[in-house]
C-alpha cells in the first residue's frame, strides 16, 4: 500500500485532495474513482489498465494532470510518439496547471521520450495526401512533423488520381529529417494498354518493346515513353529514401 501511495503522489503531483483544491471546482462524478484506479494500476505496472483508467478520467475532466498521466503511461508502454504528444499538451495546459516540481519532471520525461522518436517534416503535393504508417492511416496535420517510434516502418502516401509513393524508414531515435513528397498523376493512357504492360525489369521491358514495336507502331512507342518516364521517376523516388533503411 505504501508503494502505491508513493507512486501515485509522484505521478499525480500531490494528494488527490490537494489537486482538486487547486482547481477550486467540484469534481465530475466518476472522475476520482477513475484516477484512483489509474494510479493503483500504474503503481502495479499494469500499464494498459492504467491507460484505460486515465483515458476515462481525461474524458470526464481533461487537464494538465490527466494529460501527464496519459503521457507517463504511454511512455512505459513504449508508445513514445503518443507520449510526446500527451506530455507537450500537459505542459501547455492551463487547467490544473502543473506546479514547478512536477513540470520539471514532466519536461525531463518529455526529453527522454523525444530521444526514442524521429521527427519527419513532410512537404506533400498535392493537398489532401493520406499518410499511412505500417498499414494504418495516421492523423498527420500539414505543417507539423510526423513522429515515428524507434524501429523500422513502412510509409505510404496516397491521394485520389495519383500514383502511391511507398517508402521505408528505420528510426534509431532522435532523428530530425525532411521529405518532399510529390505524387505523380496517374497515367492517362487507355486502360487496356496499361494493363498489357508487363511488370518486368526495365531491361526486359526494352527487349519486349523492341519486338513489339514492329507490330504496334507509333501507339506502342507512345506507351513505352509513358512507361519509361514512370520508371525513371520511381528510381528517383527510391534514391530519396534514407539509404540506411535498406540495412535494417
C-alpha atoms as a PDB file:
ATOM      1  CA  UNK A   1       0.000   0.000   0.000  1.00  0.00           C
ATOM      2  CA  UNK A   2       2.798   2.399   0.825  1.00  0.00           C
ATOM      3  CA  UNK A   3       4.352   1.762  -2.598  1.00  0.00           C
ATOM      4  CA  UNK A   4       1.033   2.538  -4.305  1.00  0.00           C
ATOM      5  CA  UNK A   5       0.685   5.813  -2.407  1.00  0.00           C
ATOM      6  CA  UNK A   6       4.267   6.889  -3.198  1.00  0.00           C
ATOM      7  CA  UNK A   7       3.906   6.101  -6.901  1.00  0.00           C
ATOM      8  CA  UNK A   8       0.531   7.823  -7.033  1.00  0.00           C
ATOM      9  CA  UNK A   9       1.883  11.000  -5.464  1.00  0.00           C
ATOM     10  CA  UNK A  10       4.912  11.028  -7.759  1.00  0.00           C
ATOM     11  CA  UNK A  11       2.797  10.587 -10.885  1.00  0.00           C
ATOM     12  CA  UNK A  12      -0.051  12.900  -9.938  1.00  0.00           C
ATOM     13  CA  UNK A  13       1.953  15.660  -8.284  1.00  0.00           C
ATOM     14  CA  UNK A  14       0.368  15.568  -4.871  1.00  0.00           C
ATOM     15  CA  UNK A  15      -2.562  14.096  -2.999  1.00  0.00           C
ATOM     16  CA  UNK A  16      -5.993  13.855  -4.684  1.00  0.00           C
ATOM     17  CA  UNK A  17      -7.404  16.395  -2.224  1.00  0.00           C
ATOM     18  CA  UNK A  18      -4.700  18.997  -2.982  1.00  0.00           C
ATOM     19  CA  UNK A  19      -5.095  18.504  -6.732  1.00  0.00           C
ATOM     20  CA  UNK A  20      -8.830  19.066  -6.522  1.00  0.00           C
ATOM     21  CA  UNK A  21      -8.412  22.103  -4.304  1.00  0.00           C
ATOM     22  CA  UNK A  22      -6.060  23.765  -6.770  1.00  0.00           C
ATOM     23  CA  UNK A  23      -8.796  23.821  -9.408  1.00  0.00           C
ATOM     24  CA  UNK A  24     -11.398  25.128  -6.990  1.00  0.00           C
ATOM     25  CA  UNK A  25     -14.274  23.299  -8.712  1.00  0.00           C
ATOM     26  CA  UNK A  26     -16.365  20.274  -7.828  1.00  0.00           C
ATOM     27  CA  UNK A  27     -15.167  17.069  -9.478  1.00  0.00           C
ATOM     28  CA  UNK A  28     -17.195  15.343 -12.143  1.00  0.00           C
ATOM     29  CA  UNK A  29     -18.866  12.161 -10.802  1.00  0.00           C
ATOM     30  CA  UNK A  30     -16.713   9.123 -11.517  1.00  0.00           C
ATOM     31  CA  UNK A  31     -13.559  11.168 -12.063  1.00  0.00           C
ATOM     32  CA  UNK A  32     -11.948  10.424  -8.692  1.00  0.00           C
ATOM     33  CA  UNK A  33     -12.677   6.699  -8.996  1.00  0.00           C
ATOM     34  CA  UNK A  34     -11.048   6.621 -12.425  1.00  0.00           C
ATOM     35  CA  UNK A  35      -7.986   8.470 -11.120  1.00  0.00           C
ATOM     36  CA  UNK A  36      -7.627   6.158  -8.109  1.00  0.00           C
ATOM     37  CA  UNK A  37      -7.835   3.114 -10.384  1.00  0.00           C
ATOM     38  CA  UNK A  38      -5.310   4.606 -12.809  1.00  0.00           C
ATOM     39  CA  UNK A  39      -2.785   5.365 -10.089  1.00  0.00           C
ATOM     40  CA  UNK A  40      -3.156   1.932  -8.487  1.00  0.00           C
ATOM     41  CA  UNK A  41      -2.710   0.147 -11.818  1.00  0.00           C
ATOM     42  CA  UNK A  42       0.285   2.342 -12.684  1.00  0.00           C
ATOM     43  CA  UNK A  43       1.946   1.526  -9.344  1.00  0.00           C
ATOM     44  CA  UNK A  44       1.333  -2.195 -10.024  1.00  0.00           C
ATOM     45  CA  UNK A  45       2.890  -1.754 -13.509  1.00  0.00           C
ATOM     46  CA  UNK A  46      -0.381  -2.727 -15.178  1.00  0.00           C
ATOM     47  CA  UNK A  47       0.092  -0.048 -17.783  1.00  0.00           C
ATOM     48  CA  UNK A  48      -2.670  -0.997 -20.213  1.00  0.00           C
ATOM     49  CA  UNK A  49      -5.189  -0.918 -17.391  1.00  0.00           C
ATOM     50  CA  UNK A  50      -3.747   2.373 -16.163  1.00  0.00           C
ATOM     51  CA  UNK A  51      -4.059   3.831 -19.666  1.00  0.00           C
ATOM     52  CA  UNK A  52      -7.718   2.842 -19.830  1.00  0.00           C
ATOM     53  CA  UNK A  53      -8.468   4.461 -16.463  1.00  0.00           C
ATOM     54  CA  UNK A  54      -6.532   7.640 -17.254  1.00  0.00           C
ATOM     55  CA  UNK A  55      -8.338   7.903 -20.587  1.00  0.00           C
ATOM     56  CA  UNK A  56     -11.674   7.613 -18.795  1.00  0.00           C
ATOM     57  CA  UNK A  57     -10.677  10.292 -16.278  1.00  0.00           C
ATOM     58  CA  UNK A  58      -9.433  12.566 -19.066  1.00  0.00           C
ATOM     59  CA  UNK A  59     -12.704  12.209 -20.951  1.00  0.00           C
ATOM     60  CA  UNK A  60     -14.628  13.214 -17.806  1.00  0.00           C
ATOM     61  CA  UNK A  61     -12.384  16.156 -16.879  1.00  0.00           C
ATOM     62  CA  UNK A  62      -9.404  16.895 -19.159  1.00  0.00           C
ATOM     63  CA  UNK A  63      -6.497  18.729 -17.544  1.00  0.00           C
ATOM     64  CA  UNK A  64      -2.730  19.052 -17.445  1.00  0.00           C
ATOM     65  CA  UNK A  65      -2.695  16.276 -14.840  1.00  0.00           C
ATOM     66  CA  UNK A  66      -4.679  13.747 -16.852  1.00  0.00           C
ATOM     67  CA  UNK A  67      -2.523  14.541 -19.886  1.00  0.00           C
ATOM     68  CA  UNK A  68       0.613  13.969 -17.823  1.00  0.00           C
ATOM     69  CA  UNK A  69      -0.795  10.652 -16.631  1.00  0.00           C
ATOM     70  CA  UNK A  70      -1.511   9.572 -20.209  1.00  0.00           C
ATOM     71  CA  UNK A  71       1.982  10.656 -21.260  1.00  0.00           C
ATOM     72  CA  UNK A  72       3.617   8.720 -18.430  1.00  0.00           C
ATOM     73  CA  UNK A  73       1.675   5.522 -19.171  1.00  0.00           C
ATOM     74  CA  UNK A  74       2.243   5.591 -22.927  1.00  0.00           C
ATOM     75  CA  UNK A  75       5.965   6.097 -22.237  1.00  0.00           C
ATOM     76  CA  UNK A  76       6.002   2.890 -20.170  1.00  0.00           C
ATOM     77  CA  UNK A  77       4.159   1.126 -22.996  1.00  0.00           C
ATOM     78  CA  UNK A  78       6.950   2.209 -25.402  1.00  0.00           C
ATOM     79  CA  UNK A  79       4.449   4.277 -27.410  1.00  0.00           C
ATOM     80  CA  UNK A  80       6.831   7.180 -27.448  1.00  0.00           C
ATOM     81  CA  UNK A  81       5.274   9.342 -30.147  1.00  0.00           C
ATOM     82  CA  UNK A  82       1.969   9.304 -28.236  1.00  0.00           C
ATOM     83  CA  UNK A  83       3.857  10.101 -25.043  1.00  0.00           C
ATOM     84  CA  UNK A  84       5.492  13.140 -26.657  1.00  0.00           C
ATOM     85  CA  UNK A  85       2.108  14.449 -27.782  1.00  0.00           C
ATOM     86  CA  UNK A  86       0.466  13.991 -24.370  1.00  0.00           C
ATOM     87  CA  UNK A  87       3.368  15.489 -22.426  1.00  0.00           C
ATOM     88  CA  UNK A  88       3.589  18.530 -24.696  1.00  0.00           C
ATOM     89  CA  UNK A  89      -0.128  19.106 -24.182  1.00  0.00           C
ATOM     90  CA  UNK A  90       0.288  18.667 -20.423  1.00  0.00           C
ATOM     91  CA  UNK A  91       2.955  21.371 -20.298  1.00  0.00           C
ATOM     92  CA  UNK A  92       0.794  23.730 -22.364  1.00  0.00           C
ATOM     93  CA  UNK A  93      -2.467  23.153 -20.490  1.00  0.00           C
ATOM     94  CA  UNK A  94      -3.670  25.833 -18.070  1.00  0.00           C
ATOM     95  CA  UNK A  95      -6.354  23.669 -16.436  1.00  0.00           C
ATOM     96  CA  UNK A  96      -4.951  22.188 -13.203  1.00  0.00           C
ATOM     97  CA  UNK A  97      -1.601  23.568 -14.318  1.00  0.00           C
ATOM     98  CA  UNK A  98       1.454  21.556 -13.274  1.00  0.00           C
ATOM     99  CA  UNK A  99       3.409  23.040 -10.390  1.00  0.00           C
ATOM    100  CA  UNK A 100       7.116  23.820 -10.770  1.00  0.00           C
ATOM    101  CA  UNK A 101       8.434  20.483  -9.466  1.00  0.00           C
ATOM    102  CA  UNK A 102       6.056  18.293 -11.462  1.00  0.00           C
ATOM    103  CA  UNK A 103       6.557  20.488 -14.515  1.00  0.00           C
ATOM    104  CA  UNK A 104      10.334  19.959 -14.333  1.00  0.00           C
ATOM    105  CA  UNK A 105       9.833  16.192 -14.045  1.00  0.00           C
ATOM    106  CA  UNK A 106       7.450  16.246 -16.997  1.00  0.00           C
ATOM    107  CA  UNK A 107       9.996  18.138 -19.101  1.00  0.00           C
ATOM    108  CA  UNK A 108      12.634  15.527 -18.269  1.00  0.00           C
ATOM    109  CA  UNK A 109      10.289  12.702 -19.254  1.00  0.00           C
ATOM    110  CA  UNK A 110       9.434  14.525 -22.476  1.00  0.00           C
ATOM    111  CA  UNK A 111      13.144  14.829 -23.325  1.00  0.00           C
ATOM    112  CA  UNK A 112      13.542  11.078 -22.822  1.00  0.00           C
ATOM    113  CA  UNK A 113      10.521  10.295 -24.986  1.00  0.00           C
ATOM    114  CA  UNK A 114      11.824  12.518 -27.784  1.00  0.00           C
ATOM    115  CA  UNK A 115      15.056  10.539 -27.734  1.00  0.00           C
ATOM    116  CA  UNK A 116      13.097   7.470 -28.856  1.00  0.00           C
ATOM    117  CA  UNK A 117      11.306   9.027 -31.820  1.00  0.00           C
ATOM    118  CA  UNK A 118      12.135  10.566 -35.175  1.00  0.00           C
ATOM    119  CA  UNK A 119      10.594  13.834 -36.323  1.00  0.00           C
ATOM    120  CA  UNK A 120       9.876  13.695 -40.033  1.00  0.00           C
ATOM    121  CA  UNK A 121       8.987  17.044 -41.572  1.00  0.00           C
ATOM    122  CA  UNK A 122       6.778  16.438 -44.599  1.00  0.00           C
ATOM    123  CA  UNK A 123       6.051  18.710 -47.535  1.00  0.00           C
ATOM    124  CA  UNK A 124       3.449  16.969 -49.671  1.00  0.00           C
ATOM    125  CA  UNK A 125       1.860  17.629 -53.045  1.00  0.00           C
ATOM    126  CA  UNK A 126      -0.974  17.697 -53.895  1.00  0.00           C
ATOM    127  CA  UNK A 127      -3.033  18.685 -50.868  1.00  0.00           C
ATOM    128  CA  UNK A 128      -5.151  16.018 -49.224  1.00  0.00           C
ATOM    129  CA  UNK A 129      -2.475  13.319 -49.263  1.00  0.00           C
ATOM    130  CA  UNK A 130      -3.249  10.455 -46.879  1.00  0.00           C
ATOM    131  CA  UNK A 131      -0.312   9.247 -44.786  1.00  0.00           C
ATOM    132  CA  UNK A 132      -0.284   5.547 -43.936  1.00  0.00           C
ATOM    133  CA  UNK A 133       2.257   4.107 -41.483  1.00  0.00           C
ATOM    134  CA  UNK A 134       2.629   0.340 -41.150  1.00  0.00           C
ATOM    135  CA  UNK A 135      -0.732  -0.219 -42.806  1.00  0.00           C
ATOM    136  CA  UNK A 136      -2.736   2.253 -40.713  1.00  0.00           C
ATOM    137  CA  UNK A 137      -3.690   5.803 -41.689  1.00  0.00           C
ATOM    138  CA  UNK A 138      -2.357   8.395 -39.252  1.00  0.00           C
ATOM    139  CA  UNK A 139      -3.837  11.759 -38.315  1.00  0.00           C
ATOM    140  CA  UNK A 140      -0.983  13.817 -39.689  1.00  0.00           C
ATOM    141  CA  UNK A 141      -1.555  17.597 -39.789  1.00  0.00           C
ATOM    142  CA  UNK A 142       0.158  19.605 -42.518  1.00  0.00           C
ATOM    143  CA  UNK A 143       2.882  21.819 -41.101  1.00  0.00           C
ATOM    144  CA  UNK A 144       3.529  19.537 -38.133  1.00  0.00           C
ATOM    145  CA  UNK A 145       6.230  16.822 -38.036  1.00  0.00           C
ATOM    146  CA  UNK A 146       5.265  13.185 -38.296  1.00  0.00           C
ATOM    147  CA  UNK A 147       6.520  11.341 -35.198  1.00  0.00           C
ATOM    148  CA  UNK A 148       7.748   7.758 -35.605  1.00  0.00           C
ATOM    149  CA  UNK A 149       8.753   5.413 -32.790  1.00  0.00           C
ATOM    150  CA  UNK A 150      12.036   3.509 -32.824  1.00  0.00           C
ATOM    151  CA  UNK A 151      12.082   0.609 -35.265  1.00  0.00           C
ATOM    152  CA  UNK A 152      11.525   0.002 -38.966  1.00  0.00           C
ATOM    153  CA  UNK A 153       8.434   1.464 -40.625  1.00  0.00           C
ATOM    154  CA  UNK A 154       6.702   1.234 -43.978  1.00  0.00           C
ATOM    155  CA  UNK A 155       5.200   4.525 -45.112  1.00  0.00           C
ATOM    156  CA  UNK A 156       2.705   5.073 -47.887  1.00  0.00           C
ATOM    157  CA  UNK A 157       1.414   8.328 -49.335  1.00  0.00           C
ATOM    158  CA  UNK A 158      -1.850   8.269 -51.292  1.00  0.00           C
ATOM    159  CA  UNK A 159      -4.095  10.800 -53.000  1.00  0.00           C
ATOM    160  CA  UNK A 160      -7.007  10.450 -55.398  1.00  0.00           C
ATOM    161  CA  UNK A 161      -5.874  10.255 -59.004  1.00  0.00           C
ATOM    162  CA  UNK A 162      -2.187   9.852 -58.089  1.00  0.00           C
ATOM    163  CA  UNK A 163       0.311   7.012 -58.025  1.00  0.00           C
ATOM    164  CA  UNK A 164       1.028   5.951 -54.422  1.00  0.00           C
ATOM    165  CA  UNK A 165       4.525   6.555 -53.021  1.00  0.00           C
ATOM    166  CA  UNK A 166       5.961   3.733 -50.872  1.00  0.00           C
ATOM    167  CA  UNK A 167       8.991   4.253 -48.621  1.00  0.00           C
ATOM    168  CA  UNK A 168      10.845   2.556 -45.767  1.00  0.00           C
ATOM    169  CA  UNK A 169      12.301   4.357 -42.773  1.00  0.00           C
ATOM    170  CA  UNK A 170      14.240   2.976 -39.812  1.00  0.00           C
ATOM    171  CA  UNK A 171      14.235   5.021 -36.615  1.00  0.00           C
ATOM    172  CA  UNK A 172      17.163   4.751 -34.219  1.00  0.00           C
ATOM    173  CA  UNK A 173      15.972   7.650 -32.088  1.00  0.00           C
ATOM    174  CA  UNK A 174      16.395  11.409 -32.129  1.00  0.00           C
ATOM    175  CA  UNK A 175      16.391  11.871 -35.917  1.00  0.00           C
ATOM    176  CA  UNK A 176      15.027  15.037 -37.493  1.00  0.00           C
ATOM    177  CA  UNK A 177      14.634  14.562 -41.246  1.00  0.00           C
ATOM    178  CA  UNK A 178      12.683  16.238 -44.025  1.00  0.00           C
ATOM    179  CA  UNK A 179      10.915  14.716 -47.023  1.00  0.00           C
ATOM    180  CA  UNK A 180       9.337  16.358 -50.045  1.00  0.00           C
ATOM    181  CA  UNK A 181       6.563  14.094 -51.318  1.00  0.00           C
ATOM    182  CA  UNK A 182       5.269  14.977 -54.778  1.00  0.00           C
ATOM    183  CA  UNK A 183       2.812  12.383 -56.057  1.00  0.00           C
ATOM    184  CA  UNK A 184       2.596  11.852 -59.789  1.00  0.00           C
ATOM    185  CA  UNK A 185      -0.721  11.871 -61.595  1.00  0.00           C
ATOM    186  CA  UNK A 186      -1.945   8.508 -62.819  1.00  0.00           C
ATOM    187  CA  UNK A 187      -1.339   7.772 -66.500  1.00  0.00           C
ATOM    188  CA  UNK A 188      -3.971   8.970 -68.939  1.00  0.00           C
ATOM    189  CA  UNK A 189      -3.168   6.092 -71.330  1.00  0.00           C
ATOM    190  CA  UNK A 190      -6.057   3.733 -72.274  1.00  0.00           C
ATOM    191  CA  UNK A 191      -6.689   1.192 -69.550  1.00  0.00           C
ATOM    192  CA  UNK A 192      -6.234  -1.762 -71.898  1.00  0.00           C
ATOM    193  CA  UNK A 193      -2.729  -0.630 -72.850  1.00  0.00           C
ATOM    194  CA  UNK A 194      -1.706  -0.023 -69.227  1.00  0.00           C
ATOM    195  CA  UNK A 195      -2.895  -3.479 -68.204  1.00  0.00           C
ATOM    196  CA  UNK A 196      -0.971  -5.012 -71.109  1.00  0.00           C
ATOM    197  CA  UNK A 197       2.323  -3.593 -69.821  1.00  0.00           C
ATOM    198  CA  UNK A 198       4.248  -6.498 -68.203  1.00  0.00           C
ATOM    199  CA  UNK A 199       5.584  -5.846 -64.649  1.00  0.00           C
ATOM    200  CA  UNK A 200       9.118  -6.868 -65.656  1.00  0.00           C
ATOM    201  CA  UNK A 201      12.558  -5.302 -65.013  1.00  0.00           C
ATOM    202  CA  UNK A 202      13.420  -2.316 -67.188  1.00  0.00           C
ATOM    203  CA  UNK A 203      15.953  -4.207 -69.323  1.00  0.00           C
ATOM    204  CA  UNK A 204      13.466  -6.962 -70.115  1.00  0.00           C
ATOM    205  CA  UNK A 205      10.837  -4.356 -70.969  1.00  0.00           C
ATOM    206  CA  UNK A 206      13.122  -2.746 -73.546  1.00  0.00           C
ATOM    207  CA  UNK A 207      13.617  -6.153 -75.191  1.00  0.00           C
ATOM    208  CA  UNK A 208       9.869  -6.743 -75.310  1.00  0.00           C
ATOM    209  CA  UNK A 209       9.354  -3.209 -76.563  1.00  0.00           C
ATOM    210  CA  UNK A 210      11.852  -3.750 -79.382  1.00  0.00           C
ATOM    211  CA  UNK A 211       9.926  -6.763 -80.635  1.00  0.00           C
ATOM    212  CA  UNK A 212       6.526  -5.226 -80.095  1.00  0.00           C
ATOM    213  CA  UNK A 213       7.364  -2.019 -81.972  1.00  0.00           C
ATOM    214  CA  UNK A 214       7.238  -3.825 -85.328  1.00  0.00           C
ATOM    215  CA  UNK A 215       3.633  -4.810 -84.782  1.00  0.00           C
ATOM    216  CA  UNK A 216       2.296  -1.973 -82.673  1.00  0.00           C
ATOM    217  CA  UNK A 217       3.953   1.003 -84.402  1.00  0.00           C
ATOM    218  CA  UNK A 218       3.517   4.533 -83.125  1.00  0.00           C
ATOM    219  CA  UNK A 219       0.927   3.615 -80.441  1.00  0.00           C
ATOM    220  CA  UNK A 220       3.368   1.245 -78.736  1.00  0.00           C
ATOM    221  CA  UNK A 221       6.155   3.802 -78.859  1.00  0.00           C
ATOM    222  CA  UNK A 222       3.925   6.317 -77.099  1.00  0.00           C
ATOM    223  CA  UNK A 223       3.083   3.750 -74.418  1.00  0.00           C
ATOM    224  CA  UNK A 224       6.771   2.937 -73.994  1.00  0.00           C
ATOM    225  CA  UNK A 225       7.570   6.605 -73.452  1.00  0.00           C
ATOM    226  CA  UNK A 226       4.984   6.815 -70.669  1.00  0.00           C
ATOM    227  CA  UNK A 227       6.299   3.661 -69.016  1.00  0.00           C
ATOM    228  CA  UNK A 228       9.982   4.712 -69.253  1.00  0.00           C
ATOM    229  CA  UNK A 229       9.245   8.117 -67.740  1.00  0.00           C
ATOM    230  CA  UNK A 230       7.356   6.445 -64.899  1.00  0.00           C
ATOM    231  CA  UNK A 231      10.206   4.050 -64.121  1.00  0.00           C
ATOM    232  CA  UNK A 232      12.700   6.926 -64.160  1.00  0.00           C
ATOM    233  CA  UNK A 233      10.594   8.886 -61.682  1.00  0.00           C
ATOM    234  CA  UNK A 234      10.262   5.807 -59.435  1.00  0.00           C
ATOM    235  CA  UNK A 235      14.032   5.382 -59.470  1.00  0.00           C
ATOM    236  CA  UNK A 236      14.441   8.975 -58.273  1.00  0.00           C
ATOM    237  CA  UNK A 237      11.874   8.357 -55.521  1.00  0.00           C
ATOM    238  CA  UNK A 238      13.772   5.352 -54.199  1.00  0.00           C
ATOM    239  CA  UNK A 239      17.034   7.315 -54.124  1.00  0.00           C
ATOM    240  CA  UNK A 240      15.266   9.855 -51.888  1.00  0.00           C
ATOM    241  CA  UNK A 241      14.685   7.168 -49.219  1.00  0.00           C
ATOM    242  CA  UNK A 242      17.038   7.091 -46.262  1.00  0.00           C
ATOM    243  CA  UNK A 243      19.902   4.887 -47.531  1.00  0.00           C
ATOM    244  CA  UNK A 244      20.313   3.300 -44.104  1.00  0.00           C
ATOM    245  CA  UNK A 245      16.810   1.853 -44.225  1.00  0.00           C
ATOM    246  CA  UNK A 246      17.875  -0.981 -46.522  1.00  0.00           C
ATOM    247  CA  UNK A 247      20.341  -2.290 -43.918  1.00  0.00           C
ATOM    248  CA  UNK A 248      17.662  -2.927 -41.339  1.00  0.00           C
END
